[in-house]
């Protein structure tokens, strides 16, 4: 693939992801309205579909000022760090056989690294804001990242051992006969929990919880800077859903329909699950959140890893 073709495909992918993230905000608002017995957006366009476009235009022209005493350069850089790494993570996602920008041999590790980088946006944005609520949100984000990244990678290492590869296309091909969710139910459950935390979604959004931190690390942000933080969050939801589809739900595998359609359907259903979880689950206390990661999730991830390794070794020996 030539450089020009790669650049063109990258541009198309970025534009498609930006539109998908915008549409997903509308889907979430309508879905939350349904769960909470209210209407949600219903004025701008049919069923309020153009509301996300109106909001984007509004944010483009809204004032975006650096707070007094804030670090101007860092304050401006932080929002870009929230969205750019997640966009880069989509480069290794395999939508169908041969449909990927970069089929890296370490694709799984690359996506985990890109998701982990988003916490720097929160910490730097909080520090640059010079605001006590923002700083508390940044500290929570850093502690949550350390807690949940500890077992995020371990939760999917069972899949990597069964597939014998870190390349996403190879992992999908290894599920030709049976999806890994059937072989790794514990790993899938732990991955789902850690994935929600990695996307900074409720109930794991204590770094921006409005009931005690106003808006956490985003307290001083407005306009397009605020929009970039939200864009990074919604893109992270889609990336985690795409990764879960690839690792546990057979990726593009399925009967009758074309491979990209199967991949899109599975990813879309998992993204809708994020909305459902936000609608029905309350936030835990922060100490409960961290304690669960270290005292329950991490030991379970290690048990799952050891059990899977034992099975793989015994089968190899046989």
C-alpha atoms as a PDB file:
ATOM      1  CA  UNK A   1       0.000   0.000   0.000  1.00  0.00           C
ATOM      2  CA  UNK A   2       1.502   3.338  -1.087  1.00  0.00           C
ATOM      3  CA  UNK A   3       1.897   6.267   1.261  1.00  0.00           C
ATOM      4  CA  UNK A   4      -0.712   8.341  -0.572  1.00  0.00           C
ATOM      5  CA  UNK A   5      -3.280   5.544  -0.413  1.00  0.00           C
ATOM      6  CA  UNK A   6      -2.579   5.041   3.288  1.00  0.00           C
ATOM      7  CA  UNK A   7      -3.000   8.758   3.965  1.00  0.00           C
ATOM      8  CA  UNK A   8      -6.248   8.850   1.988  1.00  0.00           C
ATOM      9  CA  UNK A   9      -7.664   5.821   3.805  1.00  0.00           C
ATOM     10  CA  UNK A  10      -6.577   7.307   7.134  1.00  0.00           C
ATOM     11  CA  UNK A  11      -8.452  10.514   6.345  1.00  0.00           C
ATOM     12  CA  UNK A  12     -11.572   8.574   5.362  1.00  0.00           C
ATOM     13  CA  UNK A  13     -11.372   6.501   8.530  1.00  0.00           C
ATOM     14  CA  UNK A  14     -10.965   9.575  10.736  1.00  0.00           C
ATOM     15  CA  UNK A  15     -13.931  11.326   9.132  1.00  0.00           C
ATOM     16  CA  UNK A  16     -16.080   8.204   9.466  1.00  0.00           C
ATOM     17  CA  UNK A  17     -15.128   7.840  13.137  1.00  0.00           C
ATOM     18  CA  UNK A  18     -15.909  11.495  13.865  1.00  0.00           C
ATOM     19  CA  UNK A  19     -19.357  11.088  12.325  1.00  0.00           C
ATOM     20  CA  UNK A  20     -19.888   7.791  14.180  1.00  0.00           C
ATOM     21  CA  UNK A  21     -18.956   9.432  17.498  1.00  0.00           C
ATOM     22  CA  UNK A  22     -21.362  12.300  16.808  1.00  0.00           C
ATOM     23  CA  UNK A  23     -24.205   9.956  15.926  1.00  0.00           C
ATOM     24  CA  UNK A  24     -23.450   7.880  19.007  1.00  0.00           C
ATOM     25  CA  UNK A  25     -23.994  10.938  21.220  1.00  0.00           C
ATOM     26  CA  UNK A  26     -27.493  11.238  19.726  1.00  0.00           C
ATOM     27  CA  UNK A  27     -28.152   7.516  20.209  1.00  0.00           C
ATOM     28  CA  UNK A  28     -27.052   7.756  23.831  1.00  0.00           C
ATOM     29  CA  UNK A  29     -29.209  10.780  24.598  1.00  0.00           C
ATOM     30  CA  UNK A  30     -32.251   9.166  23.004  1.00  0.00           C
ATOM     31  CA  UNK A  31     -31.519   5.882  24.782  1.00  0.00           C
ATOM     32  CA  UNK A  32     -31.110   7.548  28.161  1.00  0.00           C
ATOM     33  CA  UNK A  33     -34.357   9.387  27.560  1.00  0.00           C
ATOM     34  CA  UNK A  34     -36.086   6.065  26.962  1.00  0.00           C
ATOM     35  CA  UNK A  35     -34.620   4.494  30.102  1.00  0.00           C
ATOM     36  CA  UNK A  36     -35.494   7.547  32.207  1.00  0.00           C
ATOM     37  CA  UNK A  37     -38.990   7.957  30.732  1.00  0.00           C
ATOM     38  CA  UNK A  38     -38.383  11.273  28.996  1.00  0.00           C
ATOM     39  CA  UNK A  39     -38.089  12.338  25.372  1.00  0.00           C
ATOM     40  CA  UNK A  40     -34.472  13.303  24.873  1.00  0.00           C
ATOM     41  CA  UNK A  41     -33.541  15.297  21.739  1.00  0.00           C
ATOM     42  CA  UNK A  42     -36.641  15.577  19.530  1.00  0.00           C
ATOM     43  CA  UNK A  43     -36.664  19.028  17.913  1.00  0.00           C
ATOM     44  CA  UNK A  44     -33.743  19.415  15.511  1.00  0.00           C
ATOM     45  CA  UNK A  45     -34.448  17.117  12.573  1.00  0.00           C
ATOM     46  CA  UNK A  46     -36.452  13.880  12.585  1.00  0.00           C
ATOM     47  CA  UNK A  47     -36.367  12.370  16.097  1.00  0.00           C
ATOM     48  CA  UNK A  48     -33.840  15.061  16.971  1.00  0.00           C
ATOM     49  CA  UNK A  49     -31.200  13.370  14.784  1.00  0.00           C
ATOM     50  CA  UNK A  50     -29.472  16.627  13.820  1.00  0.00           C
ATOM     51  CA  UNK A  51     -29.010  17.656  17.445  1.00  0.00           C
ATOM     52  CA  UNK A  52     -25.429  16.405  17.453  1.00  0.00           C
ATOM     53  CA  UNK A  53     -24.652  18.616  14.437  1.00  0.00           C
ATOM     54  CA  UNK A  54     -26.217  21.636  16.161  1.00  0.00           C
ATOM     55  CA  UNK A  55     -24.202  20.942  19.299  1.00  0.00           C
ATOM     56  CA  UNK A  56     -20.995  20.656  17.270  1.00  0.00           C
ATOM     57  CA  UNK A  57     -21.605  23.987  15.553  1.00  0.00           C
ATOM     58  CA  UNK A  58     -22.417  25.609  18.901  1.00  0.00           C
ATOM     59  CA  UNK A  59     -19.215  24.322  20.497  1.00  0.00           C
ATOM     60  CA  UNK A  60     -17.149  25.514  17.529  1.00  0.00           C
ATOM     61  CA  UNK A  61     -18.188  29.128  18.176  1.00  0.00           C
ATOM     62  CA  UNK A  62     -18.398  29.009  21.959  1.00  0.00           C
ATOM     63  CA  UNK A  63     -15.820  30.932  24.003  1.00  0.00           C
ATOM     64  CA  UNK A  64     -12.871  28.797  25.074  1.00  0.00           C
ATOM     65  CA  UNK A  65     -10.747  30.670  27.582  1.00  0.00           C
ATOM     66  CA  UNK A  66      -7.791  29.613  29.702  1.00  0.00           C
ATOM     67  CA  UNK A  67      -8.570  30.168  33.410  1.00  0.00           C
ATOM     68  CA  UNK A  68      -6.562  32.810  35.308  1.00  0.00           C
ATOM     69  CA  UNK A  69      -3.301  31.325  36.512  1.00  0.00           C
ATOM     70  CA  UNK A  70      -3.614  28.307  34.232  1.00  0.00           C
ATOM     71  CA  UNK A  71      -0.797  26.984  32.087  1.00  0.00           C
ATOM     72  CA  UNK A  72      -1.857  28.099  28.599  1.00  0.00           C
ATOM     73  CA  UNK A  73       0.206  25.660  26.500  1.00  0.00           C
ATOM     74  CA  UNK A  74      -0.625  22.562  28.538  1.00  0.00           C
ATOM     75  CA  UNK A  75      -4.271  23.617  28.819  1.00  0.00           C
ATOM     76  CA  UNK A  76      -4.522  23.669  25.004  1.00  0.00           C
ATOM     77  CA  UNK A  77      -2.566  20.456  24.392  1.00  0.00           C
ATOM     78  CA  UNK A  78      -4.456  18.263  26.885  1.00  0.00           C
ATOM     79  CA  UNK A  79      -7.774  17.987  24.944  1.00  0.00           C
ATOM     80  CA  UNK A  80      -5.945  16.824  21.817  1.00  0.00           C
ATOM     81  CA  UNK A  81      -4.340  14.032  23.841  1.00  0.00           C
ATOM     82  CA  UNK A  82      -7.815  12.789  24.752  1.00  0.00           C
ATOM     83  CA  UNK A  83      -8.846  12.040  21.164  1.00  0.00           C
ATOM     84  CA  UNK A  84      -5.663  11.549  19.098  1.00  0.00           C
ATOM     85  CA  UNK A  85      -4.399   8.296  20.697  1.00  0.00           C
ATOM     86  CA  UNK A  86      -7.837   6.691  20.404  1.00  0.00           C
ATOM     87  CA  UNK A  87      -8.011   7.573  16.717  1.00  0.00           C
ATOM     88  CA  UNK A  88      -4.570   6.006  16.289  1.00  0.00           C
ATOM     89  CA  UNK A  89      -5.797   2.836  17.996  1.00  0.00           C
ATOM     90  CA  UNK A  90      -8.383   2.268  15.261  1.00  0.00           C
ATOM     91  CA  UNK A  91      -5.553   1.918  12.721  1.00  0.00           C
ATOM     92  CA  UNK A  92      -4.904  -1.696  13.791  1.00  0.00           C
ATOM     93  CA  UNK A  93      -8.542  -2.778  14.103  1.00  0.00           C
ATOM     94  CA  UNK A  94      -9.388  -5.504  11.564  1.00  0.00           C
ATOM     95  CA  UNK A  95     -12.936  -4.924  10.275  1.00  0.00           C
ATOM     96  CA  UNK A  96     -12.734  -7.732   7.693  1.00  0.00           C
ATOM     97  CA  UNK A  97     -10.015  -9.881   6.102  1.00  0.00           C
ATOM     98  CA  UNK A  98      -7.480  -7.380   4.785  1.00  0.00           C
ATOM     99  CA  UNK A  99      -9.500  -4.389   5.986  1.00  0.00           C
ATOM    100  CA  UNK A 100      -7.004  -2.725   8.316  1.00  0.00           C
ATOM    101  CA  UNK A 101      -4.627   0.173   7.943  1.00  0.00           C
ATOM    102  CA  UNK A 102      -1.795  -1.501   9.854  1.00  0.00           C
ATOM    103  CA  UNK A 103      -1.796  -5.229  10.614  1.00  0.00           C
ATOM    104  CA  UNK A 104       0.709  -4.961  13.459  1.00  0.00           C
ATOM    105  CA  UNK A 105       2.042  -8.136  15.039  1.00  0.00           C
ATOM    106  CA  UNK A 106       1.512  -6.434  18.415  1.00  0.00           C
ATOM    107  CA  UNK A 107      -1.871  -4.931  17.616  1.00  0.00           C
ATOM    108  CA  UNK A 108      -3.433  -5.789  20.981  1.00  0.00           C
ATOM    109  CA  UNK A 109      -0.608  -4.119  22.908  1.00  0.00           C
ATOM    110  CA  UNK A 110      -0.785  -1.079  20.632  1.00  0.00           C
ATOM    111  CA  UNK A 111      -4.494  -0.541  21.383  1.00  0.00           C
ATOM    112  CA  UNK A 112      -3.936  -0.961  25.123  1.00  0.00           C
ATOM    113  CA  UNK A 113      -1.146   1.614  24.938  1.00  0.00           C
ATOM    114  CA  UNK A 114      -3.323   4.100  23.065  1.00  0.00           C
ATOM    115  CA  UNK A 115      -6.146   3.739  25.583  1.00  0.00           C
ATOM    116  CA  UNK A 116      -3.711   4.203  28.460  1.00  0.00           C
ATOM    117  CA  UNK A 117      -2.392   7.454  26.972  1.00  0.00           C
ATOM    118  CA  UNK A 118      -5.777   9.148  27.359  1.00  0.00           C
ATOM    119  CA  UNK A 119      -5.239   9.468  31.103  1.00  0.00           C
ATOM    120  CA  UNK A 120      -2.418  11.921  30.413  1.00  0.00           C
ATOM    121  CA  UNK A 121      -4.968  14.272  28.885  1.00  0.00           C
ATOM    122  CA  UNK A 122      -6.964  14.246  32.118  1.00  0.00           C
ATOM    123  CA  UNK A 123      -3.963  14.684  34.399  1.00  0.00           C
ATOM    124  CA  UNK A 124      -2.391  17.446  32.300  1.00  0.00           C
ATOM    125  CA  UNK A 125      -5.722  19.210  31.810  1.00  0.00           C
ATOM    126  CA  UNK A 126      -6.376  19.087  35.537  1.00  0.00           C
ATOM    127  CA  UNK A 127      -2.914  20.409  36.394  1.00  0.00           C
ATOM    128  CA  UNK A 128      -3.083  23.189  33.799  1.00  0.00           C
ATOM    129  CA  UNK A 129      -6.502  24.343  35.059  1.00  0.00           C
ATOM    130  CA  UNK A 130      -5.202  25.373  38.491  1.00  0.00           C
ATOM    131  CA  UNK A 131      -8.534  24.334  39.983  1.00  0.00           C
ATOM    132  CA  UNK A 132      -8.954  22.199  43.092  1.00  0.00           C
ATOM    133  CA  UNK A 133     -11.874  20.222  41.670  1.00  0.00           C
ATOM    134  CA  UNK A 134     -10.011  19.614  38.437  1.00  0.00           C
ATOM    135  CA  UNK A 135      -6.918  18.505  40.341  1.00  0.00           C
ATOM    136  CA  UNK A 136      -8.918  16.017  42.416  1.00  0.00           C
ATOM    137  CA  UNK A 137     -10.389  14.663  39.186  1.00  0.00           C
ATOM    138  CA  UNK A 138      -6.920  14.301  37.677  1.00  0.00           C
ATOM    139  CA  UNK A 139      -5.649  12.455  40.747  1.00  0.00           C
ATOM    140  CA  UNK A 140      -8.629  10.107  40.592  1.00  0.00           C
ATOM    141  CA  UNK A 141      -7.989   9.472  36.893  1.00  0.00           C
ATOM    142  CA  UNK A 142      -4.344   8.574  37.551  1.00  0.00           C
ATOM    143  CA  UNK A 143      -5.192   6.230  40.434  1.00  0.00           C
ATOM    144  CA  UNK A 144      -7.966   4.576  38.428  1.00  0.00           C
ATOM    145  CA  UNK A 145      -5.658   4.028  35.476  1.00  0.00           C
ATOM    146  CA  UNK A 146      -3.034   2.372  37.685  1.00  0.00           C
ATOM    147  CA  UNK A 147      -5.677   0.178  39.325  1.00  0.00           C
ATOM    148  CA  UNK A 148      -7.528  -1.030  36.259  1.00  0.00           C
ATOM    149  CA  UNK A 149      -4.655  -1.208  33.778  1.00  0.00           C
ATOM    150  CA  UNK A 150      -3.152  -3.778  36.164  1.00  0.00           C
ATOM    151  CA  UNK A 151      -5.722  -6.383  35.139  1.00  0.00           C
ATOM    152  CA  UNK A 152      -6.941  -4.948  31.807  1.00  0.00           C
ATOM    153  CA  UNK A 153      -4.080  -6.554  29.907  1.00  0.00           C
ATOM    154  CA  UNK A 154      -4.178  -9.734  31.991  1.00  0.00           C
ATOM    155  CA  UNK A 155      -7.887 -10.227  31.226  1.00  0.00           C
ATOM    156  CA  UNK A 156      -7.169 -10.710  27.533  1.00  0.00           C
ATOM    157  CA  UNK A 157      -3.922 -12.655  27.780  1.00  0.00           C
ATOM    158  CA  UNK A 158      -5.936 -15.883  27.867  1.00  0.00           C
ATOM    159  CA  UNK A 159      -7.259 -15.061  24.394  1.00  0.00           C
ATOM    160  CA  UNK A 160      -3.745 -14.260  23.204  1.00  0.00           C
ATOM    161  CA  UNK A 161      -2.473 -17.629  24.473  1.00  0.00           C
ATOM    162  CA  UNK A 162      -5.327 -19.525  22.823  1.00  0.00           C
ATOM    163  CA  UNK A 163      -4.824 -17.724  19.503  1.00  0.00           C
ATOM    164  CA  UNK A 164      -1.035 -17.763  19.698  1.00  0.00           C
ATOM    165  CA  UNK A 165      -0.820 -14.219  18.349  1.00  0.00           C
ATOM    166  CA  UNK A 166      -1.176 -10.549  19.278  1.00  0.00           C
ATOM    167  CA  UNK A 167      -2.304  -9.621  15.761  1.00  0.00           C
ATOM    168  CA  UNK A 168      -6.043  -8.895  15.658  1.00  0.00           C
ATOM    169  CA  UNK A 169      -6.710 -10.608  12.337  1.00  0.00           C
ATOM    170  CA  UNK A 170      -5.047 -13.809  13.544  1.00  0.00           C
ATOM    171  CA  UNK A 171      -7.115 -13.740  16.741  1.00  0.00           C
ATOM    172  CA  UNK A 172     -10.326 -13.525  14.710  1.00  0.00           C
ATOM    173  CA  UNK A 173      -9.206 -16.381  12.458  1.00  0.00           C
ATOM    174  CA  UNK A 174      -8.541 -18.539  15.529  1.00  0.00           C
ATOM    175  CA  UNK A 175     -12.246 -18.238  16.463  1.00  0.00           C
ATOM    176  CA  UNK A 176     -13.467 -19.892  13.268  1.00  0.00           C
ATOM    177  CA  UNK A 177     -15.010 -22.827  15.112  1.00  0.00           C
ATOM    178  CA  UNK A 178     -15.862 -21.291  18.476  1.00  0.00           C
ATOM    179  CA  UNK A 179     -15.822 -17.738  19.804  1.00  0.00           C
ATOM    180  CA  UNK A 180     -13.417 -17.120  22.640  1.00  0.00           C
ATOM    181  CA  UNK A 181     -16.179 -15.770  24.887  1.00  0.00           C
ATOM    182  CA  UNK A 182     -17.214 -19.415  25.350  1.00  0.00           C
ATOM    183  CA  UNK A 183     -13.674 -20.447  26.292  1.00  0.00           C
ATOM    184  CA  UNK A 184     -12.841 -17.336  28.328  1.00  0.00           C
ATOM    185  CA  UNK A 185     -16.041 -16.240  30.142  1.00  0.00           C
ATOM    186  CA  UNK A 186     -14.135 -14.944  33.167  1.00  0.00           C
ATOM    187  CA  UNK A 187     -11.660 -13.110  30.977  1.00  0.00           C
ATOM    188  CA  UNK A 188     -14.513 -11.577  28.980  1.00  0.00           C
ATOM    189  CA  UNK A 189     -16.258 -10.374  32.159  1.00  0.00           C
ATOM    190  CA  UNK A 190     -13.057  -8.835  33.531  1.00  0.00           C
ATOM    191  CA  UNK A 191     -12.301  -7.254  30.159  1.00  0.00           C
ATOM    192  CA  UNK A 192     -15.774  -5.692  30.108  1.00  0.00           C
ATOM    193  CA  UNK A 193     -15.241  -4.154  33.554  1.00  0.00           C
ATOM    194  CA  UNK A 194     -11.761  -2.878  32.729  1.00  0.00           C
ATOM    195  CA  UNK A 195     -12.949  -1.652  29.317  1.00  0.00           C
ATOM    196  CA  UNK A 196     -15.606   0.541  30.907  1.00  0.00           C
ATOM    197  CA  UNK A 197     -12.958   1.952  33.234  1.00  0.00           C
ATOM    198  CA  UNK A 198     -10.548   2.504  30.323  1.00  0.00           C
ATOM    199  CA  UNK A 199     -13.249   4.453  28.467  1.00  0.00           C
ATOM    200  CA  UNK A 200     -13.931   6.464  31.666  1.00  0.00           C
ATOM    201  CA  UNK A 201     -17.624   5.705  31.536  1.00  0.00           C
ATOM    202  CA  UNK A 202     -20.187   5.485  34.317  1.00  0.00           C
ATOM    203  CA  UNK A 203     -20.054   3.836  36.831  1.00  0.00           C
ATOM    204  CA  UNK A 204     -16.270   4.337  36.534  1.00  0.00           C
ATOM    205  CA  UNK A 205     -16.313   8.071  35.741  1.00  0.00           C
ATOM    206  CA  UNK A 206     -15.466   9.285  39.231  1.00  0.00           C
ATOM    207  CA  UNK A 207     -12.771  11.550  37.796  1.00  0.00           C
ATOM    208  CA  UNK A 208     -15.568  13.837  36.552  1.00  0.00           C
ATOM    209  CA  UNK A 209     -18.502  12.987  38.852  1.00  0.00           C
ATOM    210  CA  UNK A 210     -20.717  16.039  39.040  1.00  0.00           C
ATOM    211  CA  UNK A 211     -22.138  15.327  42.495  1.00  0.00           C
ATOM    212  CA  UNK A 212     -18.839  16.075  44.240  1.00  0.00           C
ATOM    213  CA  UNK A 213     -16.338  17.455  41.687  1.00  0.00           C
ATOM    214  CA  UNK A 214     -18.516  19.780  39.538  1.00  0.00           C
ATOM    215  CA  UNK A 215     -17.060  18.270  36.353  1.00  0.00           C
ATOM    216  CA  UNK A 216     -13.718  17.026  37.626  1.00  0.00           C
ATOM    217  CA  UNK A 217     -10.796  17.527  35.286  1.00  0.00           C
ATOM    218  CA  UNK A 218     -13.088  19.239  32.745  1.00  0.00           C
ATOM    219  CA  UNK A 219     -14.366  21.916  35.152  1.00  0.00           C
ATOM    220  CA  UNK A 220     -12.516  24.789  33.440  1.00  0.00           C
ATOM    221  CA  UNK A 221     -12.990  23.584  29.867  1.00  0.00           C
ATOM    222  CA  UNK A 222     -15.535  24.855  27.353  1.00  0.00           C
ATOM    223  CA  UNK A 223     -16.009  25.173  23.609  1.00  0.00           C
ATOM    224  CA  UNK A 224     -14.019  22.903  21.338  1.00  0.00           C
ATOM    225  CA  UNK A 225     -11.608  21.910  24.102  1.00  0.00           C
ATOM    226  CA  UNK A 226     -14.554  20.505  26.036  1.00  0.00           C
ATOM    227  CA  UNK A 227     -15.787  18.838  22.826  1.00  0.00           C
ATOM    228  CA  UNK A 228     -12.421  17.124  22.280  1.00  0.00           C
ATOM    229  CA  UNK A 229     -12.572  15.533  25.724  1.00  0.00           C
ATOM    230  CA  UNK A 230     -16.036  14.205  25.002  1.00  0.00           C
ATOM    231  CA  UNK A 231     -14.972  13.078  21.533  1.00  0.00           C
ATOM    232  CA  UNK A 232     -12.141  11.084  23.091  1.00  0.00           C
ATOM    233  CA  UNK A 233     -14.565   9.428  25.507  1.00  0.00           C
ATOM    234  CA  UNK A 234     -17.041   8.357  22.821  1.00  0.00           C
ATOM    235  CA  UNK A 235     -14.271   7.179  20.505  1.00  0.00           C
ATOM    236  CA  UNK A 236     -12.847   5.144  23.407  1.00  0.00           C
ATOM    237  CA  UNK A 237     -16.253   3.476  23.846  1.00  0.00           C
ATOM    238  CA  UNK A 238     -16.261   2.481  20.181  1.00  0.00           C
ATOM    239  CA  UNK A 239     -12.638   1.296  20.333  1.00  0.00           C
ATOM    240  CA  UNK A 240     -13.241  -0.860  23.421  1.00  0.00           C
ATOM    241  CA  UNK A 241     -16.366  -2.299  21.777  1.00  0.00           C
ATOM    242  CA  UNK A 242     -14.401  -3.058  18.601  1.00  0.00           C
ATOM    243  CA  UNK A 243     -11.612  -4.702  20.614  1.00  0.00           C
ATOM    244  CA  UNK A 244     -14.108  -6.813  22.587  1.00  0.00           C
ATOM    245  CA  UNK A 245     -15.759  -7.885  19.329  1.00  0.00           C
ATOM    246  CA  UNK A 246     -12.392  -8.930  17.934  1.00  0.00           C
ATOM    247  CA  UNK A 247     -11.132 -10.743  21.010  1.00  0.00           C
ATOM    248  CA  UNK A 248     -14.247 -12.500  22.277  1.00  0.00           C
ATOM    249  CA  UNK A 249     -17.074 -12.370  19.704  1.00  0.00           C
ATOM    250  CA  UNK A 250     -15.408 -13.662  16.571  1.00  0.00           C
ATOM    251  CA  UNK A 251     -14.783 -10.282  14.945  1.00  0.00           C
ATOM    252  CA  UNK A 252     -16.200 -10.301  11.438  1.00  0.00           C
ATOM    253  CA  UNK A 253     -17.144 -14.006  11.516  1.00  0.00           C
ATOM    254  CA  UNK A 254     -20.795 -14.837  10.910  1.00  0.00           C
ATOM    255  CA  UNK A 255     -23.148 -16.428   8.362  1.00  0.00           C
ATOM    256  CA  UNK A 256     -24.881 -14.832   5.346  1.00  0.00           C
ATOM    257  CA  UNK A 257     -24.013 -11.163   5.872  1.00  0.00           C
ATOM    258  CA  UNK A 258     -20.764  -9.558   4.634  1.00  0.00           C
ATOM    259  CA  UNK A 259     -17.880  -9.525   7.115  1.00  0.00           C
ATOM    260  CA  UNK A 260     -17.865  -5.730   7.753  1.00  0.00           C
ATOM    261  CA  UNK A 261     -21.597  -5.832   8.490  1.00  0.00           C
ATOM    262  CA  UNK A 262     -21.119  -8.524  11.135  1.00  0.00           C
ATOM    263  CA  UNK A 263     -18.290  -6.573  12.703  1.00  0.00           C
ATOM    264  CA  UNK A 264     -20.359  -3.385  12.748  1.00  0.00           C
ATOM    265  CA  UNK A 265     -23.408  -5.108  14.246  1.00  0.00           C
ATOM    266  CA  UNK A 266     -21.440  -6.706  17.072  1.00  0.00           C
ATOM    267  CA  UNK A 267     -19.552  -3.502  17.834  1.00  0.00           C
ATOM    268  CA  UNK A 268     -22.753  -1.468  17.748  1.00  0.00           C
ATOM    269  CA  UNK A 269     -24.532  -3.802  20.167  1.00  0.00           C
ATOM    270  CA  UNK A 270     -21.633  -3.627  22.608  1.00  0.00           C
ATOM    271  CA  UNK A 271     -21.630   0.175  22.348  1.00  0.00           C
ATOM    272  CA  UNK A 272     -25.350   0.161  23.178  1.00  0.00           C
ATOM    273  CA  UNK A 273     -24.503  -1.919  26.252  1.00  0.00           C
ATOM    274  CA  UNK A 274     -22.402   1.021  27.486  1.00  0.00           C
ATOM    275  CA  UNK A 275     -25.541   3.183  27.347  1.00  0.00           C
ATOM    276  CA  UNK A 276     -27.597   0.569  29.190  1.00  0.00           C
ATOM    277  CA  UNK A 277     -24.956   0.284  31.929  1.00  0.00           C
ATOM    278  CA  UNK A 278     -24.867   4.062  32.322  1.00  0.00           C
ATOM    279  CA  UNK A 279     -28.644   4.138  32.690  1.00  0.00           C
ATOM    280  CA  UNK A 280     -29.024   1.410  35.314  1.00  0.00           C
ATOM    281  CA  UNK A 281     -25.889   1.403  37.516  1.00  0.00           C
ATOM    282  CA  UNK A 282     -24.967   3.973  40.181  1.00  0.00           C
ATOM    283  CA  UNK A 283     -21.444   5.186  40.851  1.00  0.00           C
ATOM    284  CA  UNK A 284     -19.592   3.368  43.637  1.00  0.00           C
ATOM    285  CA  UNK A 285     -17.513   5.208  46.196  1.00  0.00           C
ATOM    286  CA  UNK A 286     -13.978   5.839  45.005  1.00  0.00           C
ATOM    287  CA  UNK A 287     -12.402   3.612  47.649  1.00  0.00           C
ATOM    288  CA  UNK A 288     -14.754   0.790  46.598  1.00  0.00           C
ATOM    289  CA  UNK A 289     -13.719   1.280  42.971  1.00  0.00           C
ATOM    290  CA  UNK A 290     -10.002   0.973  43.709  1.00  0.00           C
ATOM    291  CA  UNK A 291     -10.428  -1.821  46.252  1.00  0.00           C
ATOM    292  CA  UNK A 292     -12.385  -3.921  43.753  1.00  0.00           C
ATOM    293  CA  UNK A 293      -9.594  -3.595  41.195  1.00  0.00           C
ATOM    294  CA  UNK A 294      -6.809  -4.733  43.528  1.00  0.00           C
ATOM    295  CA  UNK A 295      -8.624  -7.164  45.823  1.00  0.00           C
ATOM    296  CA  UNK A 296     -11.004  -8.901  43.417  1.00  0.00           C
ATOM    297  CA  UNK A 297     -10.365  -8.226  39.728  1.00  0.00           C
ATOM    298  CA  UNK A 298      -6.574  -8.589  39.709  1.00  0.00           C
ATOM    299  CA  UNK A 299      -6.526 -11.946  41.587  1.00  0.00           C
ATOM    300  CA  UNK A 300      -9.285 -13.293  39.318  1.00  0.00           C
ATOM    301  CA  UNK A 301      -7.346 -12.193  36.228  1.00  0.00           C
ATOM    302  CA  UNK A 302      -4.241 -13.994  37.496  1.00  0.00           C
ATOM    303  CA  UNK A 303      -6.254 -17.158  38.224  1.00  0.00           C
ATOM    304  CA  UNK A 304      -7.742 -17.054  34.734  1.00  0.00           C
ATOM    305  CA  UNK A 305      -4.283 -16.546  33.223  1.00  0.00           C
ATOM    306  CA  UNK A 306      -2.771 -19.465  35.140  1.00  0.00           C
ATOM    307  CA  UNK A 307      -5.678 -21.772  34.307  1.00  0.00           C
ATOM    308  CA  UNK A 308      -5.531 -20.905  30.622  1.00  0.00           C
ATOM    309  CA  UNK A 309      -1.755 -21.385  30.564  1.00  0.00           C
ATOM    310  CA  UNK A 310      -2.122 -24.807  32.170  1.00  0.00           C
ATOM    311  CA  UNK A 311      -4.719 -25.845  29.567  1.00  0.00           C
ATOM    312  CA  UNK A 312      -2.566 -24.626  26.692  1.00  0.00           C
ATOM    313  CA  UNK A 313       0.516 -26.433  28.028  1.00  0.00           C
ATOM    314  CA  UNK A 314      -1.392 -29.701  28.606  1.00  0.00           C
ATOM    315  CA  UNK A 315      -2.877 -29.612  25.121  1.00  0.00           C
ATOM    316  CA  UNK A 316       0.528 -28.861  23.636  1.00  0.00           C
ATOM    317  CA  UNK A 317       2.054 -31.722  25.564  1.00  0.00           C
ATOM    318  CA  UNK A 318      -0.650 -34.095  24.398  1.00  0.00           C
END
